[in-house]
Amino acid sequence: MNRSKLIAIITGAISLILAIAYLVIVQIIDFRGEMLPAPQSQLVLPVAMISSVFSSYS
């Protein structure tokens, strides 16, 4: 078996391992349940800060 064939086989094996690991990770994340968005009440931005940012672009 020549060197290029061996490298192709090793590269293919690494690719398969990465693909299977990706699928396992996705299944684990999906198994945790429904993803809920972060509550908007926790997001606090001062109005003065926002208005000063927009006024500097004028």
C-alpha atoms as a PDB file:
ATOM      1  CA  MET A   1       0.000   0.000   0.000  1.00  0.00           C
ATOM      2  CA  ASN A   2       1.493   3.305  -1.014  1.00  0.00           C
ATOM      3  CA  ARG A   3       1.683   6.364   1.208  1.00  0.00           C
ATOM      4  CA  SER A   4      -1.078   8.429  -0.457  1.00  0.00           C
ATOM      5  CA  LYS A   5      -3.577   5.588  -0.052  1.00  0.00           C
ATOM      6  CA  LEU A   6      -2.702   5.268   3.637  1.00  0.00           C
ATOM      7  CA  ILE A   7      -3.137   9.021   4.182  1.00  0.00           C
ATOM      8  CA  ALA A   8      -6.525   8.888   2.426  1.00  0.00           C
ATOM      9  CA  ILE A   9      -7.695   6.052   4.679  1.00  0.00           C
ATOM     10  CA  ILE A  10      -6.512   7.831   7.841  1.00  0.00           C
ATOM     11  CA  THR A  11      -8.153  11.085   6.742  1.00  0.00           C
ATOM     12  CA  GLY A  12     -11.415   9.263   6.008  1.00  0.00           C
ATOM     13  CA  ALA A  13     -11.349   7.565   9.404  1.00  0.00           C
ATOM     14  CA  ILE A  14     -10.776  10.900  11.165  1.00  0.00           C
ATOM     15  CA  SER A  15     -13.644  12.406   9.170  1.00  0.00           C
ATOM     16  CA  LEU A  16     -15.990   9.592  10.199  1.00  0.00           C
ATOM     17  CA  ILE A  17     -14.986   9.917  13.857  1.00  0.00           C
ATOM     18  CA  LEU A  18     -15.648  13.667  13.784  1.00  0.00           C
ATOM     19  CA  ALA A  19     -19.021  13.165  12.054  1.00  0.00           C
ATOM     20  CA  ILE A  20     -20.154  10.574  14.601  1.00  0.00           C
ATOM     21  CA  ALA A  21     -18.953  12.744  17.507  1.00  0.00           C
ATOM     22  CA  TYR A  22     -20.911  15.690  16.060  1.00  0.00           C
ATOM     23  CA  LEU A  23     -24.087  13.622  15.801  1.00  0.00           C
ATOM     24  CA  VAL A  24     -23.681  12.367  19.378  1.00  0.00           C
ATOM     25  CA  ILE A  25     -23.190  15.910  20.702  1.00  0.00           C
ATOM     26  CA  VAL A  26     -26.256  17.144  18.800  1.00  0.00           C
ATOM     27  CA  GLN A  27     -28.347  14.303  20.215  1.00  0.00           C
ATOM     28  CA  ILE A  28     -27.168  15.053  23.760  1.00  0.00           C
ATOM     29  CA  ILE A  29     -28.014  18.747  23.379  1.00  0.00           C
ATOM     30  CA  ASP A  30     -31.396  17.898  21.828  1.00  0.00           C
ATOM     31  CA  PHE A  31     -32.160  15.443  24.645  1.00  0.00           C
ATOM     32  CA  ARG A  32     -31.952  18.219  27.264  1.00  0.00           C
ATOM     33  CA  GLY A  33     -35.348  19.561  26.231  1.00  0.00           C
ATOM     34  CA  GLU A  34     -36.867  22.601  24.653  1.00  0.00           C
ATOM     35  CA  MET A  35     -34.625  25.626  24.383  1.00  0.00           C
ATOM     36  CA  LEU A  36     -36.249  28.668  25.922  1.00  0.00           C
ATOM     37  CA  PRO A  37     -35.187  32.225  25.137  1.00  0.00           C
ATOM     38  CA  ALA A  38     -33.620  34.316  27.865  1.00  0.00           C
ATOM     39  CA  PRO A  39     -36.098  36.411  29.839  1.00  0.00           C
ATOM     40  CA  GLN A  40     -36.264  39.971  28.542  1.00  0.00           C
ATOM     41  CA  SER A  41     -36.774  41.362  32.046  1.00  0.00           C
ATOM     42  CA  GLN A  42     -33.126  40.569  32.826  1.00  0.00           C
ATOM     43  CA  LEU A  43     -31.927  42.839  30.012  1.00  0.00           C
ATOM     44  CA  VAL A  44     -31.414  46.312  31.456  1.00  0.00           C
ATOM     45  CA  LEU A  45     -30.097  49.084  29.220  1.00  0.00           C
ATOM     46  CA  PRO A  46     -30.257  52.676  30.408  1.00  0.00           C
ATOM     47  CA  VAL A  47     -32.238  54.872  28.035  1.00  0.00           C
ATOM     48  CA  ALA A  48     -29.742  57.725  28.385  1.00  0.00           C
ATOM     49  CA  MET A  49     -26.934  55.473  27.234  1.00  0.00           C
ATOM     50  CA  ILE A  50     -28.854  54.388  24.141  1.00  0.00           C
ATOM     51  CA  SER A  51     -29.842  57.936  23.225  1.00  0.00           C
ATOM     52  CA  SER A  52     -26.267  59.172  23.616  1.00  0.00           C
ATOM     53  CA  VAL A  53     -25.017  56.450  21.268  1.00  0.00           C
ATOM     54  CA  PHE A  54     -27.560  57.378  18.597  1.00  0.00           C
ATOM     55  CA  SER A  55     -26.996  61.115  18.981  1.00  0.00           C
ATOM     56  CA  SER A  56     -23.251  60.725  18.375  1.00  0.00           C
ATOM     57  CA  TYR A  57     -23.977  59.337  14.875  1.00  0.00           C
ATOM     58  CA  SER A  58     -25.986  62.415  13.854  1.00  0.00           C
END
